[in-house]
Amino acid sequence: MKEKVTRNSSVIAFFVMLFVMMACNSGSAVDAQNGNVTPKEVTFDVAKNYFFNKGQEIPANPKITTQEEFEKLFGMAAVMGKDGKPTEIDFSKQFVLALVQPITDINTEIVPVKVEEQGDTLKYTYEVKTGEKQSYSMQPLSIIILDKQYENKEIILINDQLMKENMKEVQAYLKECGAFFIATVDGDQPRVRAFGVSEIINDRLYIMTGKVKDVYKQMAANGKFEICALKPSGSEWMRLSGTLVNDETLAVKEEFLNRNEGLKSMYKADDDNMAVLYITNATARFCSFAAPERKVNF
């Protein structure tokens, strides 16, 4: 009898352990799906003493993975002194992220801040510092070197000034389209409906709806969404994806209503129904029949 109880206890313990492992793995998958993976900082080196080759087109993608591609775009600018030799790059073990800006006579420096790994992406944060007008022109350039293990990850560039410009471009596009269509997830069923207003408030792009509506309940359960906006021409459209975050700040709700007087007959900032949601981790894809797709993030 004692042996049977012991055996049963072992079986129960095994299944409890199995359940816990499955739960942990499931949780990780859900976190990754929802973009909730904690970012991990990635080390990098700054490549020095290179210049952008004259006549080359500035690359749309900063990721460069081969020596041949790199040498086509960049040349060595060796100078006298201890640190005058260009930084060595071994493309069998490394790859680079290169940021190049147009030629300017304004003193400009691109400063790498950090690189973070988050799921299948690498988030590269950088600053652009500008100074006074110069008597000569320059082409701002920054190259960082990373381990090849990160080579296949999607690169997301993060620059506060650029992010704000991207956000303004997206909102201007939505305004020009008038109505836009937002898709949410309802269990295993996609749902799509038309929206008509968006506002940038405190450097965030907001949409609004009512908490009593099914669309809000779906957003609350799963913040992932996608918007499609079609220009009146019918030949240009934008797809915008990311995560929606509810904001209960009264001042934001009041500002949203002040900019959209027509909504005041349906909503009040303190009515426990009005919901304003801002977009985060956003990717906008600008598409048309006549040109390649262009992508921006904010």
C-alpha atoms as a PDB file:
ATOM      1  CA  MET A   1       0.000   0.000   0.000  1.00  0.00           C
ATOM      2  CA  LYS A   2       2.805   2.377   0.911  1.00  0.00           C
ATOM      3  CA  GLU A   3       4.605   1.573  -2.352  1.00  0.00           C
ATOM      4  CA  LYS A   4       1.430   2.328  -4.343  1.00  0.00           C
ATOM      5  CA  VAL A   5       0.968   5.703  -2.636  1.00  0.00           C
ATOM      6  CA  THR A   6       4.603   6.597  -3.303  1.00  0.00           C
ATOM      7  CA  ARG A   7       4.269   5.615  -6.964  1.00  0.00           C
ATOM      8  CA  ASN A   8       1.070   7.677  -7.318  1.00  0.00           C
ATOM      9  CA  SER A   9       2.771  10.658  -5.689  1.00  0.00           C
ATOM     10  CA  SER A  10       5.640  10.415  -8.166  1.00  0.00           C
ATOM     11  CA  VAL A  11       3.235  10.283 -11.108  1.00  0.00           C
ATOM     12  CA  ILE A  12       1.342  13.318  -9.799  1.00  0.00           C
ATOM     13  CA  ALA A  13       4.598  15.214  -9.268  1.00  0.00           C
ATOM     14  CA  PHE A  14       5.687  14.388 -12.822  1.00  0.00           C
ATOM     15  CA  PHE A  15       2.473  15.736 -14.346  1.00  0.00           C
ATOM     16  CA  VAL A  16       2.605  18.857 -12.152  1.00  0.00           C
ATOM     17  CA  MET A  17       6.147  19.521 -13.361  1.00  0.00           C
ATOM     18  CA  LEU A  18       5.096  18.895 -16.978  1.00  0.00           C
ATOM     19  CA  PHE A  19       2.171  21.288 -16.609  1.00  0.00           C
ATOM     20  CA  VAL A  20       4.407  24.002 -15.153  1.00  0.00           C
ATOM     21  CA  MET A  21       6.907  23.612 -18.016  1.00  0.00           C
ATOM     22  CA  MET A  22       4.130  23.824 -20.587  1.00  0.00           C
ATOM     23  CA  ALA A  23       2.661  26.872 -18.864  1.00  0.00           C
ATOM     24  CA  CYS A  24       6.046  28.600 -18.836  1.00  0.00           C
ATOM     25  CA  ASN A  25       6.636  27.866 -22.507  1.00  0.00           C
ATOM     26  CA  SER A  26       3.127  28.976 -23.378  1.00  0.00           C
ATOM     27  CA  GLY A  27       3.604  32.208 -21.428  1.00  0.00           C
ATOM     28  CA  SER A  28       6.822  32.934 -23.271  1.00  0.00           C
ATOM     29  CA  ALA A  29       5.112  32.395 -26.605  1.00  0.00           C
ATOM     30  CA  VAL A  30       2.279  34.736 -25.633  1.00  0.00           C
ATOM     31  CA  ASP A  31       4.722  37.366 -24.422  1.00  0.00           C
ATOM     32  CA  ALA A  32       6.672  37.167 -27.663  1.00  0.00           C
ATOM     33  CA  GLN A  33       3.461  37.347 -29.661  1.00  0.00           C
ATOM     34  CA  ASN A  34       2.345  40.444 -27.804  1.00  0.00           C
ATOM     35  CA  GLY A  35       5.720  42.163 -28.079  1.00  0.00           C
ATOM     36  CA  ASN A  36       6.199  41.975 -24.309  1.00  0.00           C
ATOM     37  CA  VAL A  37       9.628  40.341 -24.456  1.00  0.00           C
ATOM     38  CA  THR A  38      11.993  42.289 -22.223  1.00  0.00           C
ATOM     39  CA  PRO A  39      14.629  44.092 -24.342  1.00  0.00           C
ATOM     40  CA  LYS A  40      18.235  42.927 -23.841  1.00  0.00           C
ATOM     41  CA  GLU A  41      21.068  45.331 -24.568  1.00  0.00           C
ATOM     42  CA  VAL A  42      23.498  44.232 -27.281  1.00  0.00           C
ATOM     43  CA  THR A  43      27.151  45.284 -27.340  1.00  0.00           C
ATOM     44  CA  PHE A  44      28.609  46.876 -30.467  1.00  0.00           C
ATOM     45  CA  ASP A  45      31.755  48.600 -31.707  1.00  0.00           C
ATOM     46  CA  VAL A  46      31.913  51.870 -33.635  1.00  0.00           C
ATOM     47  CA  ALA A  47      33.762  51.661 -36.965  1.00  0.00           C
ATOM     48  CA  LYS A  48      36.047  54.642 -37.478  1.00  0.00           C
ATOM     49  CA  ASN A  49      37.766  56.251 -40.444  1.00  0.00           C
ATOM     50  CA  TYR A  50      35.419  55.369 -43.302  1.00  0.00           C
ATOM     51  CA  PHE A  51      33.704  57.619 -45.846  1.00  0.00           C
ATOM     52  CA  PHE A  52      30.675  57.172 -48.112  1.00  0.00           C
ATOM     53  CA  ASN A  53      31.692  56.614 -51.732  1.00  0.00           C
ATOM     54  CA  LYS A  54      30.759  59.387 -54.152  1.00  0.00           C
ATOM     55  CA  GLY A  55      27.942  58.567 -56.540  1.00  0.00           C
ATOM     56  CA  GLN A  56      26.403  55.812 -54.441  1.00  0.00           C
ATOM     57  CA  GLU A  57      22.756  55.898 -53.422  1.00  0.00           C
ATOM     58  CA  ILE A  58      22.135  56.123 -49.679  1.00  0.00           C
ATOM     59  CA  PRO A  59      20.979  52.622 -48.635  1.00  0.00           C
ATOM     60  CA  ALA A  60      17.358  52.333 -47.522  1.00  0.00           C
ATOM     61  CA  ASN A  61      18.296  49.447 -45.218  1.00  0.00           C
ATOM     62  CA  PRO A  62      21.145  50.126 -42.754  1.00  0.00           C
ATOM     63  CA  LYS A  63      22.086  46.444 -42.503  1.00  0.00           C
ATOM     64  CA  ILE A  64      25.173  45.406 -44.506  1.00  0.00           C
ATOM     65  CA  THR A  65      26.255  41.782 -44.282  1.00  0.00           C
ATOM     66  CA  THR A  66      28.982  41.253 -46.912  1.00  0.00           C
ATOM     67  CA  GLN A  67      32.417  42.694 -47.631  1.00  0.00           C
ATOM     68  CA  GLU A  68      31.485  43.224 -51.286  1.00  0.00           C
ATOM     69  CA  GLU A  69      28.405  45.286 -50.427  1.00  0.00           C
ATOM     70  CA  PHE A  70      30.349  47.287 -47.836  1.00  0.00           C
ATOM     71  CA  GLU A  71      33.243  48.136 -50.169  1.00  0.00           C
ATOM     72  CA  LYS A  72      30.800  49.291 -52.847  1.00  0.00           C
ATOM     73  CA  LEU A  73      29.366  51.876 -50.447  1.00  0.00           C
ATOM     74  CA  PHE A  74      32.309  52.874 -48.253  1.00  0.00           C
ATOM     75  CA  GLY A  75      35.979  53.689 -48.612  1.00  0.00           C
ATOM     76  CA  MET A  76      38.791  53.808 -46.071  1.00  0.00           C
ATOM     77  CA  ALA A  77      39.890  57.190 -44.749  1.00  0.00           C
ATOM     78  CA  ALA A  78      43.187  56.377 -43.082  1.00  0.00           C
ATOM     79  CA  VAL A  79      44.855  59.292 -41.303  1.00  0.00           C
ATOM     80  CA  MET A  80      48.112  59.802 -39.440  1.00  0.00           C
ATOM     81  CA  GLY A  81      48.321  58.972 -35.755  1.00  0.00           C
ATOM     82  CA  LYS A  82      47.583  56.174 -33.305  1.00  0.00           C
ATOM     83  CA  ASP A  83      43.898  55.813 -34.147  1.00  0.00           C
ATOM     84  CA  GLY A  84      44.196  56.682 -37.824  1.00  0.00           C
ATOM     85  CA  LYS A  85      43.718  53.151 -39.168  1.00  0.00           C
ATOM     86  CA  PRO A  86      40.157  52.198 -40.202  1.00  0.00           C
ATOM     87  CA  THR A  87      38.463  49.772 -37.814  1.00  0.00           C
ATOM     88  CA  GLU A  88      38.752  46.183 -39.041  1.00  0.00           C
ATOM     89  CA  ILE A  89      35.478  44.393 -39.859  1.00  0.00           C
ATOM     90  CA  ASP A  90      35.334  40.589 -40.292  1.00  0.00           C
ATOM     91  CA  PHE A  91      32.158  39.854 -42.236  1.00  0.00           C
ATOM     92  CA  SER A  92      32.524  36.117 -41.581  1.00  0.00           C
ATOM     93  CA  LYS A  93      31.802  36.862 -37.915  1.00  0.00           C
ATOM     94  CA  GLN A  94      30.245  40.339 -37.980  1.00  0.00           C
ATOM     95  CA  PHE A  95      27.872  42.633 -39.853  1.00  0.00           C
ATOM     96  CA  VAL A  96      27.289  46.385 -39.689  1.00  0.00           C
ATOM     97  CA  LEU A  97      24.513  48.917 -39.367  1.00  0.00           C
ATOM     98  CA  ALA A  98      25.356  52.030 -41.367  1.00  0.00           C
ATOM     99  CA  LEU A  99      23.505  55.337 -41.149  1.00  0.00           C
ATOM    100  CA  VAL A 100      24.199  57.878 -43.879  1.00  0.00           C
ATOM    101  CA  GLN A 101      22.642  61.310 -44.302  1.00  0.00           C
ATOM    102  CA  PRO A 102      22.637  63.634 -47.338  1.00  0.00           C
ATOM    103  CA  ILE A 103      25.551  66.003 -47.931  1.00  0.00           C
ATOM    104  CA  THR A 104      25.253  69.162 -45.821  1.00  0.00           C
ATOM    105  CA  ASP A 105      27.235  72.230 -44.817  1.00  0.00           C
ATOM    106  CA  ILE A 106      25.829  72.029 -41.272  1.00  0.00           C
ATOM    107  CA  ASN A 107      28.144  70.377 -38.761  1.00  0.00           C
ATOM    108  CA  THR A 108      26.313  67.079 -38.118  1.00  0.00           C
ATOM    109  CA  GLU A 109      27.161  64.026 -36.032  1.00  0.00           C
ATOM    110  CA  ILE A 110      25.272  60.714 -35.853  1.00  0.00           C
ATOM    111  CA  VAL A 111      25.741  59.286 -32.361  1.00  0.00           C
ATOM    112  CA  PRO A 112      24.910  55.616 -31.603  1.00  0.00           C
ATOM    113  CA  VAL A 113      23.136  55.335 -28.221  1.00  0.00           C
ATOM    114  CA  LYS A 114      22.187  51.686 -27.768  1.00  0.00           C
ATOM    115  CA  VAL A 115      21.130  48.489 -29.516  1.00  0.00           C
ATOM    116  CA  GLU A 116      18.534  46.241 -27.905  1.00  0.00           C
ATOM    117  CA  GLU A 117      17.414  42.743 -28.854  1.00  0.00           C
ATOM    118  CA  GLN A 118      13.665  42.200 -28.454  1.00  0.00           C
ATOM    119  CA  GLY A 119      12.265  38.978 -29.872  1.00  0.00           C
ATOM    120  CA  ASP A 120      12.962  38.926 -33.608  1.00  0.00           C
ATOM    121  CA  THR A 121      14.012  42.582 -33.760  1.00  0.00           C
ATOM    122  CA  LEU A 122      17.043  44.740 -33.044  1.00  0.00           C
ATOM    123  CA  LYS A 123      16.149  48.254 -31.904  1.00  0.00           C
ATOM    124  CA  TYR A 124      18.929  50.698 -32.729  1.00  0.00           C
ATOM    125  CA  THR A 125      18.613  54.034 -30.913  1.00  0.00           C
ATOM    126  CA  TYR A 126      20.725  56.929 -32.156  1.00  0.00           C
ATOM    127  CA  GLU A 127      20.901  60.716 -31.968  1.00  0.00           C
ATOM    128  CA  VAL A 128      21.648  63.297 -34.646  1.00  0.00           C
ATOM    129  CA  LYS A 129      23.504  66.306 -33.282  1.00  0.00           C
ATOM    130  CA  THR A 130      23.778  69.442 -35.384  1.00  0.00           C
ATOM    131  CA  GLY A 131      25.950  72.501 -34.920  1.00  0.00           C
ATOM    132  CA  GLU A 132      26.856  75.575 -36.919  1.00  0.00           C
ATOM    133  CA  LYS A 133      27.082  76.162 -40.656  1.00  0.00           C
ATOM    134  CA  GLN A 134      30.502  75.325 -42.100  1.00  0.00           C
ATOM    135  CA  SER A 135      32.534  76.667 -45.007  1.00  0.00           C
ATOM    136  CA  TYR A 136      32.672  73.160 -46.500  1.00  0.00           C
ATOM    137  CA  SER A 137      30.252  70.255 -47.026  1.00  0.00           C
ATOM    138  CA  MET A 138      30.229  66.878 -45.310  1.00  0.00           C
ATOM    139  CA  GLN A 139      28.266  63.643 -45.498  1.00  0.00           C
ATOM    140  CA  PRO A 140      27.282  62.503 -41.967  1.00  0.00           C
ATOM    141  CA  LEU A 141      28.012  58.819 -41.428  1.00  0.00           C
ATOM    142  CA  SER A 142      27.912  56.327 -38.568  1.00  0.00           C
ATOM    143  CA  ILE A 143      28.821  52.634 -38.765  1.00  0.00           C
ATOM    144  CA  ILE A 144      28.475  50.185 -35.885  1.00  0.00           C
ATOM    145  CA  ILE A 145      29.709  46.580 -35.846  1.00  0.00           C
ATOM    146  CA  LEU A 146      27.668  43.727 -34.346  1.00  0.00           C
ATOM    147  CA  ASP A 147      28.086  39.992 -33.889  1.00  0.00           C
ATOM    148  CA  LYS A 148      26.759  37.910 -36.789  1.00  0.00           C
ATOM    149  CA  GLN A 149      24.385  36.013 -34.472  1.00  0.00           C
ATOM    150  CA  TYR A 150      22.011  38.997 -34.744  1.00  0.00           C
ATOM    151  CA  GLU A 151      22.248  39.307 -38.533  1.00  0.00           C
ATOM    152  CA  ASN A 152      18.799  37.875 -39.395  1.00  0.00           C
ATOM    153  CA  LYS A 153      16.828  40.071 -37.015  1.00  0.00           C
ATOM    154  CA  GLU A 154      14.636  42.902 -38.284  1.00  0.00           C
ATOM    155  CA  ILE A 155      16.213  46.320 -37.671  1.00  0.00           C
ATOM    156  CA  ILE A 156      14.121  49.086 -36.119  1.00  0.00           C
ATOM    157  CA  LEU A 157      15.734  52.530 -36.074  1.00  0.00           C
ATOM    158  CA  ILE A 158      14.793  54.792 -33.189  1.00  0.00           C
ATOM    159  CA  ASN A 159      15.478  58.511 -33.297  1.00  0.00           C
ATOM    160  CA  ASP A 160      13.221  60.906 -31.376  1.00  0.00           C
ATOM    161  CA  GLN A 161      13.236  63.630 -34.017  1.00  0.00           C
ATOM    162  CA  LEU A 162      12.723  61.137 -36.854  1.00  0.00           C
ATOM    163  CA  MET A 163       9.991  59.326 -34.900  1.00  0.00           C
ATOM    164  CA  LYS A 164       8.045  62.566 -34.507  1.00  0.00           C
ATOM    165  CA  GLU A 165       8.388  63.329 -38.211  1.00  0.00           C
ATOM    166  CA  ASN A 166       7.214  59.809 -39.077  1.00  0.00           C
ATOM    167  CA  MET A 167       4.224  60.154 -36.759  1.00  0.00           C
ATOM    168  CA  LYS A 168       3.248  63.476 -38.344  1.00  0.00           C
ATOM    169  CA  GLU A 169       3.520  61.959 -41.812  1.00  0.00           C
ATOM    170  CA  VAL A 170       1.252  59.052 -40.808  1.00  0.00           C
ATOM    171  CA  GLN A 171      -1.369  61.325 -39.280  1.00  0.00           C
ATOM    172  CA  ALA A 172      -1.339  63.641 -42.308  1.00  0.00           C
ATOM    173  CA  TYR A 173      -1.942  60.570 -44.469  1.00  0.00           C
ATOM    174  CA  LEU A 174      -4.901  59.498 -42.306  1.00  0.00           C
ATOM    175  CA  LYS A 175      -6.365  63.007 -42.478  1.00  0.00           C
ATOM    176  CA  GLU A 176      -6.031  63.086 -46.262  1.00  0.00           C
ATOM    177  CA  CYS A 177      -7.774  59.717 -46.573  1.00  0.00           C
ATOM    178  CA  GLY A 178     -10.658  60.870 -44.386  1.00  0.00           C
ATOM    179  CA  ALA A 179     -11.929  57.469 -43.292  1.00  0.00           C
ATOM    180  CA  PHE A 180      -9.599  54.617 -42.425  1.00  0.00           C
ATOM    181  CA  PHE A 181     -10.324  51.007 -41.541  1.00  0.00           C
ATOM    182  CA  ILE A 182      -9.031  49.339 -38.400  1.00  0.00           C
ATOM    183  CA  ALA A 183      -8.813  45.581 -37.861  1.00  0.00           C
ATOM    184  CA  THR A 184      -8.766  43.972 -34.429  1.00  0.00           C
ATOM    185  CA  VAL A 185      -8.727  40.389 -33.177  1.00  0.00           C
ATOM    186  CA  ASP A 186     -11.852  38.764 -31.730  1.00  0.00           C
ATOM    187  CA  GLY A 187     -10.790  35.264 -30.708  1.00  0.00           C
ATOM    188  CA  ASP A 188     -10.008  33.592 -34.037  1.00  0.00           C
ATOM    189  CA  GLN A 189     -12.144  36.066 -36.000  1.00  0.00           C
ATOM    190  CA  PRO A 190     -10.766  39.324 -37.487  1.00  0.00           C
ATOM    191  CA  ARG A 191     -13.042  42.370 -37.198  1.00  0.00           C
ATOM    192  CA  VAL A 192     -12.837  45.513 -39.357  1.00  0.00           C
ATOM    193  CA  ARG A 193     -14.641  48.837 -39.053  1.00  0.00           C
ATOM    194  CA  ALA A 194     -14.292  52.443 -40.216  1.00  0.00           C
ATOM    195  CA  PHE A 195     -12.785  55.226 -38.085  1.00  0.00           C
ATOM    196  CA  GLY A 196     -12.507  58.885 -38.958  1.00  0.00           C
ATOM    197  CA  VAL A 197     -10.466  60.792 -36.364  1.00  0.00           C
ATOM    198  CA  SER A 198      -6.898  60.715 -35.095  1.00  0.00           C
ATOM    199  CA  GLU A 199      -4.868  63.301 -33.180  1.00  0.00           C
ATOM    200  CA  ILE A 200      -1.266  63.795 -32.084  1.00  0.00           C
ATOM    201  CA  ILE A 201      -1.260  64.898 -28.446  1.00  0.00           C
ATOM    202  CA  ASN A 202       1.893  65.070 -26.299  1.00  0.00           C
ATOM    203  CA  ASP A 203       3.916  63.346 -29.034  1.00  0.00           C
ATOM    204  CA  ARG A 204       1.541  60.374 -29.216  1.00  0.00           C
ATOM    205  CA  LEU A 205      -0.832  59.430 -32.030  1.00  0.00           C
ATOM    206  CA  TYR A 206      -4.319  58.729 -30.651  1.00  0.00           C
ATOM    207  CA  ILE A 207      -7.557  57.295 -31.940  1.00  0.00           C
ATOM    208  CA  MET A 208     -10.789  57.183 -29.922  1.00  0.00           C
ATOM    209  CA  THR A 209     -13.872  55.045 -29.452  1.00  0.00           C
ATOM    210  CA  GLY A 210     -16.464  54.166 -26.804  1.00  0.00           C
ATOM    211  CA  LYS A 211     -15.873  51.617 -24.069  1.00  0.00           C
ATOM    212  CA  VAL A 212     -19.337  50.153 -24.587  1.00  0.00           C
ATOM    213  CA  LYS A 213     -18.433  49.136 -28.142  1.00  0.00           C
ATOM    214  CA  ASP A 214     -17.168  45.681 -29.087  1.00  0.00           C
ATOM    215  CA  VAL A 215     -14.146  47.223 -30.818  1.00  0.00           C
ATOM    216  CA  TYR A 216     -12.910  48.658 -27.508  1.00  0.00           C
ATOM    217  CA  LYS A 217     -13.418  45.319 -25.751  1.00  0.00           C
ATOM    218  CA  GLN A 218     -11.351  43.633 -28.453  1.00  0.00           C
ATOM    219  CA  MET A 219      -8.622  46.255 -28.147  1.00  0.00           C
ATOM    220  CA  ALA A 220      -8.581  45.826 -24.367  1.00  0.00           C
ATOM    221  CA  ALA A 221      -8.206  42.060 -24.715  1.00  0.00           C
ATOM    222  CA  ASN A 222      -5.527  42.263 -27.429  1.00  0.00           C
ATOM    223  CA  GLY A 223      -3.945  45.598 -28.270  1.00  0.00           C
ATOM    224  CA  LYS A 224      -2.550  44.440 -31.614  1.00  0.00           C
ATOM    225  CA  PHE A 225      -4.225  46.081 -34.608  1.00  0.00           C
ATOM    226  CA  GLU A 226      -3.800  47.039 -38.234  1.00  0.00           C
ATOM    227  CA  ILE A 227      -5.137  50.076 -40.071  1.00  0.00           C
ATOM    228  CA  CYS A 228      -5.591  50.399 -43.819  1.00  0.00           C
ATOM    229  CA  ALA A 229      -6.136  53.867 -45.297  1.00  0.00           C
ATOM    230  CA  LEU A 230      -6.782  54.434 -49.006  1.00  0.00           C
ATOM    231  CA  LYS A 231      -6.201  57.806 -50.679  1.00  0.00           C
ATOM    232  CA  PRO A 232      -9.030  59.267 -52.815  1.00  0.00           C
ATOM    233  CA  SER A 233      -7.016  58.432 -55.960  1.00  0.00           C
ATOM    234  CA  GLY A 234      -7.483  54.744 -55.217  1.00  0.00           C
ATOM    235  CA  SER A 235      -3.881  53.995 -56.220  1.00  0.00           C
ATOM    236  CA  GLU A 236      -2.076  54.764 -52.945  1.00  0.00           C
ATOM    237  CA  TRP A 237      -2.659  53.250 -49.543  1.00  0.00           C
ATOM    238  CA  MET A 238      -1.029  52.869 -46.145  1.00  0.00           C
ATOM    239  CA  ARG A 239      -0.985  49.930 -43.744  1.00  0.00           C
ATOM    240  CA  LEU A 240      -0.289  50.799 -40.113  1.00  0.00           C
ATOM    241  CA  SER A 241       0.280  48.142 -37.460  1.00  0.00           C
ATOM    242  CA  GLY A 242       1.332  48.221 -33.813  1.00  0.00           C
ATOM    243  CA  THR A 243      -0.182  48.093 -30.352  1.00  0.00           C
ATOM    244  CA  LEU A 244      -2.932  50.275 -28.876  1.00  0.00           C
ATOM    245  CA  VAL A 245      -2.640  51.462 -25.268  1.00  0.00           C
ATOM    246  CA  ASN A 246      -5.605  52.950 -23.388  1.00  0.00           C
ATOM    247  CA  ASP A 247      -4.966  56.365 -21.778  1.00  0.00           C
ATOM    248  CA  GLU A 248      -7.258  57.582 -18.991  1.00  0.00           C
ATOM    249  CA  THR A 249      -5.656  61.041 -18.752  1.00  0.00           C
ATOM    250  CA  LEU A 250      -8.540  63.524 -18.494  1.00  0.00           C
ATOM    251  CA  ALA A 251      -6.562  66.357 -20.114  1.00  0.00           C
ATOM    252  CA  VAL A 252      -5.854  64.213 -23.191  1.00  0.00           C
ATOM    253  CA  LYS A 253      -9.551  63.363 -23.567  1.00  0.00           C
ATOM    254  CA  GLU A 254     -10.505  67.029 -23.231  1.00  0.00           C
ATOM    255  CA  GLU A 255      -7.941  68.067 -25.836  1.00  0.00           C
ATOM    256  CA  PHE A 256      -9.183  65.370 -28.231  1.00  0.00           C
ATOM    257  CA  LEU A 257     -12.763  66.656 -27.915  1.00  0.00           C
ATOM    258  CA  ASN A 258     -11.696  70.297 -28.272  1.00  0.00           C
ATOM    259  CA  ARG A 259     -10.139  69.435 -31.626  1.00  0.00           C
ATOM    260  CA  ASN A 260     -13.228  67.487 -32.732  1.00  0.00           C
ATOM    261  CA  GLU A 261     -16.264  69.537 -31.733  1.00  0.00           C
ATOM    262  CA  GLY A 262     -18.653  67.147 -33.474  1.00  0.00           C
ATOM    263  CA  LEU A 263     -17.851  64.429 -30.948  1.00  0.00           C
ATOM    264  CA  LYS A 264     -18.980  66.506 -27.956  1.00  0.00           C
ATOM    265  CA  SER A 265     -22.618  65.601 -28.574  1.00  0.00           C
ATOM    266  CA  MET A 266     -21.723  61.910 -28.120  1.00  0.00           C
ATOM    267  CA  TYR A 267     -18.889  61.883 -25.580  1.00  0.00           C
ATOM    268  CA  LYS A 268     -17.697  63.682 -22.472  1.00  0.00           C
ATOM    269  CA  ALA A 269     -14.160  63.464 -21.158  1.00  0.00           C
ATOM    270  CA  ASP A 270     -15.343  62.207 -17.753  1.00  0.00           C
ATOM    271  CA  ASP A 271     -18.282  60.015 -18.822  1.00  0.00           C
ATOM    272  CA  ASP A 272     -16.545  56.635 -18.201  1.00  0.00           C
ATOM    273  CA  ASN A 273     -17.273  55.732 -21.811  1.00  0.00           C
ATOM    274  CA  MET A 274     -14.886  57.806 -23.904  1.00  0.00           C
ATOM    275  CA  ALA A 275     -11.677  55.897 -24.636  1.00  0.00           C
ATOM    276  CA  VAL A 276      -8.559  57.421 -26.163  1.00  0.00           C
ATOM    277  CA  LEU A 277      -5.854  54.978 -27.214  1.00  0.00           C
ATOM    278  CA  TYR A 278      -2.359  55.777 -28.430  1.00  0.00           C
ATOM    279  CA  ILE A 279      -0.303  53.764 -30.886  1.00  0.00           C
ATOM    280  CA  THR A 280       3.032  52.287 -29.856  1.00  0.00           C
ATOM    281  CA  ASN A 281       5.594  50.012 -31.600  1.00  0.00           C
ATOM    282  CA  ALA A 282       4.126  51.292 -34.871  1.00  0.00           C
ATOM    283  CA  THR A 283       5.159  50.360 -38.396  1.00  0.00           C
ATOM    284  CA  ALA A 284       3.627  52.202 -41.341  1.00  0.00           C
ATOM    285  CA  ARG A 285       3.951  50.836 -44.860  1.00  0.00           C
ATOM    286  CA  PHE A 286       3.275  53.275 -47.693  1.00  0.00           C
ATOM    287  CA  CYS A 287       2.207  51.454 -50.843  1.00  0.00           C
ATOM    288  CA  SER A 288       1.169  52.332 -54.381  1.00  0.00           C
ATOM    289  CA  PHE A 289       0.864  50.800 -57.826  1.00  0.00           C
ATOM    290  CA  ALA A 290       3.664  53.005 -59.121  1.00  0.00           C
ATOM    291  CA  ALA A 291       6.452  52.800 -56.505  1.00  0.00           C
ATOM    292  CA  PRO A 292       8.135  50.308 -54.164  1.00  0.00           C
ATOM    293  CA  GLU A 293       6.803  49.998 -50.617  1.00  0.00           C
ATOM    294  CA  ARG A 294       8.303  52.446 -48.101  1.00  0.00           C
ATOM    295  CA  LYS A 295       8.338  51.679 -44.368  1.00  0.00           C
ATOM    296  CA  VAL A 296       8.665  53.992 -41.336  1.00  0.00           C
ATOM    297  CA  ASN A 297       8.455  53.357 -37.589  1.00  0.00           C
ATOM    298  CA  PHE A 298       7.470  55.374 -34.546  1.00  0.00           C
END
